[in-house]
Amino acid sequence: MGVLREMGRDQLGSIVETIKAKVMGSLKRKAKNEKSKNKNKKGSSSSSSASYVKMDKTASVKVEIQSRHARKLIDKTLMAADQPGKMER
């Protein structure tokens, strides 16, 4: 504390401002580095997707999809049959 008493308030304020500026500069550099790392990661993932091979649907999946479509069509037809006075467009 003796050192602080010997220094004037102006000197102490100056030192604090210098330290703040250095810390802020360091934080800005770190943030910039992190942003560039994130950009590099995003760029690398798109290049790896170029090697992605899309798989064909299996026969069982195709049958399941057809069954769902058929079930929807049957339900729609039954609803229309239950309401003979109304025509659905």
PDB file of N, CA and C in Angstrom:
ATOM      1  N   MET A   1       0.807  -1.188   0.000  1.00  0.00           N
ATOM      2  CA  MET A   1       0.000   0.000   0.000  1.00  0.00           C
ATOM      3  C   MET A   1       0.854   1.256   0.000  1.00  0.00           C
ATOM      4  N   GLY A   2       2.046   1.162   0.534  1.00  0.00           N
ATOM      5  CA  GLY A   2       2.919   2.330   0.594  1.00  0.00           C
ATOM      6  C   GLY A   2       3.248   2.859  -0.788  1.00  0.00           C
ATOM      7  N   VAL A   3       3.435   1.938  -1.742  1.00  0.00           N
ATOM      8  CA  VAL A   3       3.746   2.337  -3.102  1.00  0.00           C
ATOM      9  C   VAL A   3       2.582   3.102  -3.710  1.00  0.00           C
ATOM     10  N   LEU A   4       1.384   2.639  -3.431  1.00  0.00           N
ATOM     11  CA  LEU A   4       0.197   3.288  -3.968  1.00  0.00           C
ATOM     12  C   LEU A   4       0.022   4.690  -3.402  1.00  0.00           C
ATOM     13  N   ARG A   5       0.378   4.884  -2.137  1.00  0.00           N
ATOM     14  CA  ARG A   5       0.249   6.206  -1.526  1.00  0.00           C
ATOM     15  C   ARG A   5       1.240   7.183  -2.127  1.00  0.00           C
ATOM     16  N   GLU A   6       2.407   6.667  -2.472  1.00  0.00           N
ATOM     17  CA  GLU A   6       3.430   7.541  -3.034  1.00  0.00           C
ATOM     18  C   GLU A   6       3.061   7.975  -4.448  1.00  0.00           C
ATOM     19  N   MET A   7       2.363   7.119  -5.183  1.00  0.00           N
ATOM     20  CA  MET A   7       1.962   7.458  -6.549  1.00  0.00           C
ATOM     21  C   MET A   7       0.777   8.401  -6.473  1.00  0.00           C
ATOM     22  N   GLY A   8       0.715   9.273  -7.379  1.00  0.00           N
ATOM     23  CA  GLY A   8      -0.429  10.161  -7.431  1.00  0.00           C
ATOM     24  C   GLY A   8      -1.619   9.441  -8.052  1.00  0.00           C
ATOM     25  N   ARG A   9      -2.798   9.965  -7.824  1.00  0.00           N
ATOM     26  CA  ARG A   9      -4.005   9.356  -8.384  1.00  0.00           C
ATOM     27  C   ARG A   9      -3.963   9.371  -9.906  1.00  0.00           C
ATOM     28  N   ASP A  10      -3.380  10.370 -10.480  1.00  0.00           N
ATOM     29  CA  ASP A  10      -3.289  10.451 -11.939  1.00  0.00           C
ATOM     30  C   ASP A  10      -2.426   9.330 -12.494  1.00  0.00           C
ATOM     31  N   GLN A  11      -1.318   9.062 -11.827  1.00  0.00           N
ATOM     32  CA  GLN A  11      -0.435   7.990 -12.267  1.00  0.00           C
ATOM     33  C   GLN A  11      -1.129   6.641 -12.144  1.00  0.00           C
ATOM     34  N   LEU A  12      -1.815   6.449 -11.047  1.00  0.00           N
ATOM     35  CA  LEU A  12      -2.521   5.190 -10.824  1.00  0.00           C
ATOM     36  C   LEU A  12      -3.612   5.001 -11.874  1.00  0.00           C
ATOM     37  N   GLY A  13      -4.358   6.070 -12.158  1.00  0.00           N
ATOM     38  CA  GLY A  13      -5.400   6.010 -13.183  1.00  0.00           C
ATOM     39  C   GLY A  13      -4.801   5.691 -14.546  1.00  0.00           C
ATOM     40  N   SER A  14      -3.654   6.247 -14.818  1.00  0.00           N
ATOM     41  CA  SER A  14      -2.968   5.998 -16.082  1.00  0.00           C
ATOM     42  C   SER A  14      -2.561   4.538 -16.208  1.00  0.00           C
ATOM     43  N   ILE A  15      -2.063   3.975 -15.129  1.00  0.00           N
ATOM     44  CA  ILE A  15      -1.652   2.565 -15.134  1.00  0.00           C
ATOM     45  C   ILE A  15      -2.877   1.668 -15.337  1.00  0.00           C
ATOM     46  N   VAL A  16      -3.960   1.990 -14.651  1.00  0.00           N
ATOM     47  CA  VAL A  16      -5.185   1.198 -14.784  1.00  0.00           C
ATOM     48  C   VAL A  16      -5.692   1.249 -16.220  1.00  0.00           C
ATOM     49  N   GLU A  17      -5.697   2.415 -16.824  1.00  0.00           N
ATOM     50  CA  GLU A  17      -6.152   2.557 -18.216  1.00  0.00           C
ATOM     51  C   GLU A  17      -5.254   1.776 -19.168  1.00  0.00           C
ATOM     52  N   THR A  18      -3.958   1.768 -18.930  1.00  0.00           N
ATOM     53  CA  THR A  18      -3.027   1.010 -19.764  1.00  0.00           C
ATOM     54  C   THR A  18      -3.315  -0.484 -19.658  1.00  0.00           C
ATOM     55  N   ILE A  19      -3.541  -0.955 -18.439  1.00  0.00           N
ATOM     56  CA  ILE A  19      -3.839  -2.377 -18.226  1.00  0.00           C
ATOM     57  C   ILE A  19      -5.152  -2.743 -18.901  1.00  0.00           C
ATOM     58  N   LYS A  20      -6.167  -1.881 -18.780  1.00  0.00           N
ATOM     59  CA  LYS A  20      -7.457  -2.130 -19.429  1.00  0.00           C
ATOM     60  C   LYS A  20      -7.289  -2.251 -20.934  1.00  0.00           C
ATOM     61  N   ALA A  21      -6.500  -1.342 -21.511  1.00  0.00           N
ATOM     62  CA  ALA A  21      -6.295  -1.355 -22.965  1.00  0.00           C
ATOM     63  C   ALA A  21      -5.603  -2.650 -23.399  1.00  0.00           C
ATOM     64  N   LYS A  22      -4.621  -3.083 -22.627  1.00  0.00           N
ATOM     65  CA  LYS A  22      -3.912  -4.321 -22.972  1.00  0.00           C
ATOM     66  C   LYS A  22      -4.831  -5.536 -22.879  1.00  0.00           C
ATOM     67  N   VAL A  23      -5.637  -5.586 -21.832  1.00  0.00           N
ATOM     68  CA  VAL A  23      -6.557  -6.705 -21.651  1.00  0.00           C
ATOM     69  C   VAL A  23      -7.588  -6.725 -22.769  1.00  0.00           C
ATOM     70  N   MET A  24      -8.146  -5.566 -23.101  1.00  0.00           N
ATOM     71  CA  MET A  24      -9.142  -5.491 -24.172  1.00  0.00           C
ATOM     72  C   MET A  24      -8.529  -5.904 -25.510  1.00  0.00           C
ATOM     73  N   GLY A  25      -7.312  -5.482 -25.780  1.00  0.00           N
ATOM     74  CA  GLY A  25      -6.641  -5.884 -27.009  1.00  0.00           C
ATOM     75  C   GLY A  25      -6.441  -7.386 -27.074  1.00  0.00           C
ATOM     76  N   SER A  26      -6.062  -7.953 -25.944  1.00  0.00           N
ATOM     77  CA  SER A  26      -5.865  -9.400 -25.877  1.00  0.00           C
ATOM     78  C   SER A  26      -7.182 -10.137 -26.113  1.00  0.00           C
ATOM     79  N   LEU A  27      -8.268  -9.655 -25.495  1.00  0.00           N
ATOM     80  CA  LEU A  27      -9.577 -10.287 -25.671  1.00  0.00           C
ATOM     81  C   LEU A  27     -10.038 -10.186 -27.124  1.00  0.00           C
ATOM     82  N   LYS A  28      -9.805  -9.055 -27.752  1.00  0.00           N
ATOM     83  CA  LYS A  28     -10.205  -8.877 -29.151  1.00  0.00           C
ATOM     84  C   LYS A  28      -9.452  -9.854 -30.053  1.00  0.00           C
ATOM     85  N   ARG A  29      -8.146 -10.021 -29.784  1.00  0.00           N
ATOM     86  CA  ARG A  29      -7.358 -10.963 -30.588  1.00  0.00           C
ATOM     87  C   ARG A  29      -7.865 -12.389 -30.400  1.00  0.00           C
ATOM     88  N   LYS A  30      -8.173 -12.756 -29.155  1.00  0.00           N
ATOM     89  CA  LYS A  30      -8.687 -14.104 -28.892  1.00  0.00           C
ATOM     90  C   LYS A  30     -10.025 -14.328 -29.582  1.00  0.00           C
ATOM     91  N   ALA A  31     -10.908 -13.329 -29.531  1.00  0.00           N
ATOM     92  CA  ALA A  31     -12.211 -13.448 -30.187  1.00  0.00           C
ATOM     93  C   ALA A  31     -12.035 -13.589 -31.693  1.00  0.00           C
ATOM     94  N   LYS A  32     -11.119 -12.829 -32.252  1.00  0.00           N
ATOM     95  CA  LYS A  32     -10.856 -12.904 -33.694  1.00  0.00           C
ATOM     96  C   LYS A  32     -10.328 -14.289 -34.073  1.00  0.00           C
ATOM     97  N   ASN A  33      -9.446 -14.838 -33.242  1.00  0.00           N
ATOM     98  CA  ASN A  33      -8.898 -16.172 -33.498  1.00  0.00           C
ATOM     99  C   ASN A  33      -9.997 -17.228 -33.431  1.00  0.00           C
ATOM    100  N   GLU A  34     -10.879 -17.104 -32.450  1.00  0.00           N
ATOM    101  CA  GLU A  34     -11.979 -18.072 -32.321  1.00  0.00           C
ATOM    102  C   GLU A  34     -12.917 -17.990 -33.526  1.00  0.00           C
ATOM    103  N   LYS A  35     -13.203 -16.788 -33.986  1.00  0.00           N
ATOM    104  CA  LYS A  35     -14.066 -16.629 -35.162  1.00  0.00           C
ATOM    105  C   LYS A  35     -13.438 -17.290 -36.379  1.00  0.00           C
ATOM    106  N   SER A  36     -12.134 -17.093 -36.560  1.00  0.00           N
ATOM    107  CA  SER A  36     -11.482 -17.696 -37.717  1.00  0.00           C
ATOM    108  C   SER A  36     -11.444 -19.217 -37.588  1.00  0.00           C
ATOM    109  N   LYS A  37     -11.283 -19.733 -36.374  1.00  0.00           N
ATOM    110  CA  LYS A  37     -11.317 -21.186 -36.166  1.00  0.00           C
ATOM    111  C   LYS A  37     -12.689 -21.740 -36.531  1.00  0.00           C
ATOM    112  N   ASN A  38     -13.746 -21.031 -36.118  1.00  0.00           N
ATOM    113  CA  ASN A  38     -15.096 -21.478 -36.428  1.00  0.00           C
ATOM    114  C   ASN A  38     -15.356 -21.444 -37.927  1.00  0.00           C
ATOM    115  N   LYS A  39     -14.848 -20.430 -38.611  1.00  0.00           N
ATOM    116  CA  LYS A  39     -15.014 -20.359 -40.065  1.00  0.00           C
ATOM    117  C   LYS A  39     -14.293 -21.521 -40.733  1.00  0.00           C
ATOM    118  N   ASN A  40     -13.109 -21.845 -40.228  1.00  0.00           N
ATOM    119  CA  ASN A  40     -12.354 -22.960 -40.798  1.00  0.00           C
ATOM    120  C   ASN A  40     -13.077 -24.278 -40.579  1.00  0.00           C
ATOM    121  N   LYS A  41     -13.698 -24.445 -39.426  1.00  0.00           N
ATOM    122  CA  LYS A  41     -14.442 -25.676 -39.157  1.00  0.00           C
ATOM    123  C   LYS A  41     -15.634 -25.786 -40.095  1.00  0.00           C
ATOM    124  N   LYS A  42     -16.339 -24.685 -40.321  1.00  0.00           N
ATOM    125  CA  LYS A  42     -17.491 -24.698 -41.217  1.00  0.00           C
ATOM    126  C   LYS A  42     -17.049 -25.030 -42.634  1.00  0.00           C
ATOM    127  N   GLY A  43     -15.953 -24.467 -43.054  1.00  0.00           N
ATOM    128  CA  GLY A  43     -15.452 -24.722 -44.398  1.00  0.00           C
ATOM    129  C   GLY A  43     -15.028 -26.159 -44.590  1.00  0.00           C
ATOM    130  N   SER A  44     -14.445 -26.762 -43.570  1.00  0.00           N
ATOM    131  CA  SER A  44     -13.977 -28.143 -43.697  1.00  0.00           C
ATOM    132  C   SER A  44     -15.145 -29.117 -43.737  1.00  0.00           C
ATOM    133  N   SER A  45     -16.246 -28.779 -43.065  1.00  0.00           N
ATOM    134  CA  SER A  45     -17.380 -29.701 -43.060  1.00  0.00           C
ATOM    135  C   SER A  45     -18.051 -29.753 -44.431  1.00  0.00           C
ATOM    136  N   SER A  46     -18.048 -28.626 -45.144  1.00  0.00           N
ATOM    137  CA  SER A  46     -18.671 -28.625 -46.465  1.00  0.00           C
ATOM    138  C   SER A  46     -17.833 -29.424 -47.465  1.00  0.00           C
ATOM    139  N   SER A  47     -16.512 -29.415 -47.288  1.00  0.00           N
ATOM    140  CA  SER A  47     -15.680 -30.191 -48.202  1.00  0.00           C
ATOM    141  C   SER A  47     -15.809 -31.687 -47.921  1.00  0.00           C
ATOM    142  N   SER A  48     -16.065 -32.051 -46.667  1.00  0.00           N
ATOM    143  CA  SER A  48     -16.229 -33.468 -46.354  1.00  0.00           C
ATOM    144  C   SER A  48     -17.578 -33.981 -46.842  1.00  0.00           C
ATOM    145  N   SER A  49     -18.567 -33.080 -46.981  1.00  0.00           N
ATOM    146  CA  SER A  49     -19.872 -33.517 -47.454  1.00  0.00           C
ATOM    147  C   SER A  49     -19.833 -33.846 -48.948  1.00  0.00           C
ATOM    148  N   ALA A  50     -18.812 -33.370 -49.649  1.00  0.00           N
ATOM    149  CA  ALA A  50     -18.682 -33.683 -51.064  1.00  0.00           C
ATOM    150  C   ALA A  50     -18.402 -35.173 -51.252  1.00  0.00           C
ATOM    151  N   SER A  51     -17.800 -35.815 -50.254  1.00  0.00           N
ATOM    152  CA  SER A  51     -17.497 -37.238 -50.348  1.00  0.00           C
ATOM    153  C   SER A  51     -18.657 -38.098 -49.850  1.00  0.00           C
ATOM    154  N   TYR A  52     -19.744 -37.479 -49.429  1.00  0.00           N
ATOM    155  CA  TYR A  52     -20.917 -38.191 -48.930  1.00  0.00           C
ATOM    156  C   TYR A  52     -21.628 -38.898 -50.068  1.00  0.00           C
ATOM    157  N   VAL A  53     -21.959 -40.157 -49.846  1.00  0.00           N
ATOM    158  CA  VAL A  53     -22.664 -40.938 -50.849  1.00  0.00           C
ATOM    159  C   VAL A  53     -24.071 -41.202 -50.341  1.00  0.00           C
ATOM    160  N   LYS A  54     -25.069 -40.781 -51.100  1.00  0.00           N
ATOM    161  CA  LYS A  54     -26.447 -40.972 -50.683  1.00  0.00           C
ATOM    162  C   LYS A  54     -26.840 -42.424 -50.916  1.00  0.00           C
ATOM    163  N   MET A  55     -27.439 -43.018 -49.891  1.00  0.00           N
ATOM    164  CA  MET A  55     -27.840 -44.414 -49.997  1.00  0.00           C
ATOM    165  C   MET A  55     -29.240 -44.506 -50.571  1.00  0.00           C
ATOM    166  N   ASP A  56     -29.475 -45.538 -51.337  1.00  0.00           N
ATOM    167  CA  ASP A  56     -30.805 -45.784 -51.896  1.00  0.00           C
ATOM    168  C   ASP A  56     -31.711 -46.335 -50.816  1.00  0.00           C
ATOM    169  N   LYS A  57     -33.009 -46.151 -51.020  1.00  0.00           N
ATOM    170  CA  LYS A  57     -33.977 -46.692 -50.067  1.00  0.00           C
ATOM    171  C   LYS A  57     -34.077 -48.200 -50.262  1.00  0.00           C
ATOM    172  N   THR A  58     -34.232 -48.886 -49.150  1.00  0.00           N
ATOM    173  CA  THR A  58     -34.387 -50.337 -49.241  1.00  0.00           C
ATOM    174  C   THR A  58     -35.809 -50.662 -49.680  1.00  0.00           C
ATOM    175  N   ALA A  59     -36.008 -51.887 -50.074  1.00  0.00           N
ATOM    176  CA  ALA A  59     -37.332 -52.320 -50.543  1.00  0.00           C
ATOM    177  C   ALA A  59     -38.372 -52.183 -49.430  1.00  0.00           C
ATOM    178  N   SER A  60     -37.994 -52.493 -48.204  1.00  0.00           N
ATOM    179  CA  SER A  60     -38.953 -52.407 -47.099  1.00  0.00           C
ATOM    180  C   SER A  60     -39.369 -50.958 -46.825  1.00  0.00           C
ATOM    181  N   VAL A  61     -38.447 -50.038 -46.976  1.00  0.00           N
ATOM    182  CA  VAL A  61     -38.771 -48.626 -46.788  1.00  0.00           C
ATOM    183  C   VAL A  61     -39.707 -48.160 -47.888  1.00  0.00           C
ATOM    184  N   LYS A  62     -39.462 -48.586 -49.106  1.00  0.00           N
ATOM    185  CA  LYS A  62     -40.336 -48.213 -50.214  1.00  0.00           C
ATOM    186  C   LYS A  62     -41.754 -48.737 -49.995  1.00  0.00           C
ATOM    187  N   VAL A  63     -41.862 -49.970 -49.512  1.00  0.00           N
ATOM    188  CA  VAL A  63     -43.178 -50.553 -49.240  1.00  0.00           C
ATOM    189  C   VAL A  63     -43.877 -49.774 -48.126  1.00  0.00           C
ATOM    190  N   GLU A  64     -43.130 -49.379 -47.108  1.00  0.00           N
ATOM    191  CA  GLU A  64     -43.700 -48.609 -46.001  1.00  0.00           C
ATOM    192  C   GLU A  64     -44.240 -47.266 -46.496  1.00  0.00           C
ATOM    193  N   ILE A  65     -43.514 -46.602 -47.355  1.00  0.00           N
ATOM    194  CA  ILE A  65     -43.961 -45.320 -47.905  1.00  0.00           C
ATOM    195  C   ILE A  65     -45.224 -45.510 -48.740  1.00  0.00           C
ATOM    196  N   GLN A  66     -45.245 -46.548 -49.563  1.00  0.00           N
ATOM    197  CA  GLN A  66     -46.438 -46.826 -50.374  1.00  0.00           C
ATOM    198  C   GLN A  66     -47.639 -47.140 -49.486  1.00  0.00           C
ATOM    199  N   SER A  67     -47.410 -47.850 -48.404  1.00  0.00           N
ATOM    200  CA  SER A  67     -48.496 -48.190 -47.476  1.00  0.00           C
ATOM    201  C   SER A  67     -49.080 -46.938 -46.830  1.00  0.00           C
ATOM    202  N   ARG A  68     -48.221 -46.019 -46.457  1.00  0.00           N
ATOM    203  CA  ARG A  68     -48.697 -44.771 -45.854  1.00  0.00           C
ATOM    204  C   ARG A  68     -49.549 -43.981 -46.841  1.00  0.00           C
ATOM    205  N   HIS A  69     -49.081 -43.887 -48.086  1.00  0.00           N
ATOM    206  CA  HIS A  69     -49.844 -43.166 -49.112  1.00  0.00           C
ATOM    207  C   HIS A  69     -51.195 -43.836 -49.348  1.00  0.00           C
ATOM    208  N   ALA A  70     -51.188 -45.149 -49.416  1.00  0.00           N
ATOM    209  CA  ALA A  70     -52.432 -45.879 -49.649  1.00  0.00           C
ATOM    210  C   ALA A  70     -53.394 -45.681 -48.473  1.00  0.00           C
ATOM    211  N   ARG A  71     -52.871 -45.726 -47.243  1.00  0.00           N
ATOM    212  CA  ARG A  71     -53.720 -45.542 -46.058  1.00  0.00           C
ATOM    213  C   ARG A  71     -54.359 -44.156 -46.060  1.00  0.00           C
ATOM    214  N   LYS A  72     -53.583 -43.127 -46.437  1.00  0.00           N
ATOM    215  CA  LYS A  72     -54.122 -41.764 -46.505  1.00  0.00           C
ATOM    216  C   LYS A  72     -55.220 -41.666 -47.553  1.00  0.00           C
ATOM    217  N   LEU A  73     -55.012 -42.296 -48.698  1.00  0.00           N
ATOM    218  CA  LEU A  73     -56.006 -42.274 -49.768  1.00  0.00           C
ATOM    219  C   LEU A  73     -57.278 -43.001 -49.341  1.00  0.00           C
ATOM    220  N   ILE A  74     -57.132 -44.125 -48.665  1.00  0.00           N
ATOM    221  CA  ILE A  74     -58.302 -44.884 -48.177  1.00  0.00           C
ATOM    222  C   ILE A  74     -59.072 -44.050 -47.165  1.00  0.00           C
ATOM    223  N   ASP A  75     -58.361 -43.422 -46.218  1.00  0.00           N
ATOM    224  CA  ASP A  75     -59.027 -42.584 -45.215  1.00  0.00           C
ATOM    225  C   ASP A  75     -59.776 -41.428 -45.863  1.00  0.00           C
ATOM    226  N   LYS A  76     -59.165 -40.807 -46.849  1.00  0.00           N
ATOM    227  CA  LYS A  76     -59.800 -39.691 -47.550  1.00  0.00           C
ATOM    228  C   LYS A  76     -61.054 -40.162 -48.289  1.00  0.00           C
ATOM    229  N   THR A  77     -60.974 -41.324 -48.910  1.00  0.00           N
ATOM    230  CA  THR A  77     -62.116 -41.876 -49.643  1.00  0.00           C
ATOM    231  C   THR A  77     -63.252 -42.220 -48.696  1.00  0.00           C
ATOM    232  N   LEU A  78     -62.929 -42.816 -47.548  1.00  0.00           N
ATOM    233  CA  LEU A  78     -63.951 -43.161 -46.564  1.00  0.00           C
ATOM    234  C   LEU A  78     -64.625 -41.916 -45.986  1.00  0.00           C
ATOM    235  N   MET A  79     -63.869 -40.880 -45.755  1.00  0.00           N
ATOM    236  CA  MET A  79     -64.463 -39.637 -45.256  1.00  0.00           C
ATOM    237  C   MET A  79     -65.413 -39.039 -46.286  1.00  0.00           C
ATOM    238  N   ALA A  80     -65.023 -39.091 -47.544  1.00  0.00           N
ATOM    239  CA  ALA A  80     -65.883 -38.578 -48.607  1.00  0.00           C
ATOM    240  C   ALA A  80     -67.142 -39.423 -48.731  1.00  0.00           C
ATOM    241  N   ALA A  81     -67.030 -40.731 -48.532  1.00  0.00           N
ATOM    242  CA  ALA A  81     -68.184 -41.630 -48.633  1.00  0.00           C
ATOM    243  C   ALA A  81     -69.151 -41.387 -47.484  1.00  0.00           C
ATOM    244  N   ASP A  82     -68.638 -41.000 -46.321  1.00  0.00           N
ATOM    245  CA  ASP A  82     -69.480 -40.723 -45.166  1.00  0.00           C
ATOM    246  C   ASP A  82     -70.274 -39.416 -45.325  1.00  0.00           C
ATOM    247  N   GLN A  83     -69.813 -38.561 -46.222  1.00  0.00           N
ATOM    248  CA  GLN A  83     -70.477 -37.277 -46.436  1.00  0.00           C
ATOM    249  C   GLN A  83     -70.866 -37.158 -47.921  1.00  0.00           C
ATOM    250  N   PRO A  84     -71.895 -37.858 -48.360  1.00  0.00           N
ATOM    251  CA  PRO A  84     -72.211 -37.893 -49.788  1.00  0.00           C
ATOM    252  C   PRO A  84     -72.676 -36.536 -50.333  1.00  0.00           C
ATOM    253  N   GLY A  85     -73.211 -35.668 -49.522  1.00  0.00           N
ATOM    254  CA  GLY A  85     -73.715 -34.377 -50.014  1.00  0.00           C
ATOM    255  C   GLY A  85     -72.601 -33.373 -50.270  1.00  0.00           C
ATOM    256  N   LYS A  86     -71.456 -33.560 -49.686  1.00  0.00           N
ATOM    257  CA  LYS A  86     -70.345 -32.608 -49.833  1.00  0.00           C
ATOM    258  C   LYS A  86     -69.280 -33.195 -50.730  1.00  0.00           C
ATOM    259  N   MET A  87     -68.881 -32.419 -51.717  1.00  0.00           N
ATOM    260  CA  MET A  87     -67.809 -32.877 -52.598  1.00  0.00           C
ATOM    261  C   MET A  87     -66.541 -32.160 -52.191  1.00  0.00           C
ATOM    262  N   GLU A  88     -65.471 -32.878 -52.045  1.00  0.00           N
ATOM    263  CA  GLU A  88     -64.189 -32.286 -51.662  1.00  0.00           C
ATOM    264  C   GLU A  88     -63.394 -31.976 -52.909  1.00  0.00           C
ATOM    265  N   ARG A  89     -62.802 -30.823 -52.929  1.00  0.00           N
ATOM    266  CA  ARG A  89     -62.017 -30.409 -54.109  1.00  0.00           C
ATOM    267  C   ARG A  89     -60.555 -30.583 -53.875  1.00  0.00           C
TER     268      ARG A  89
END
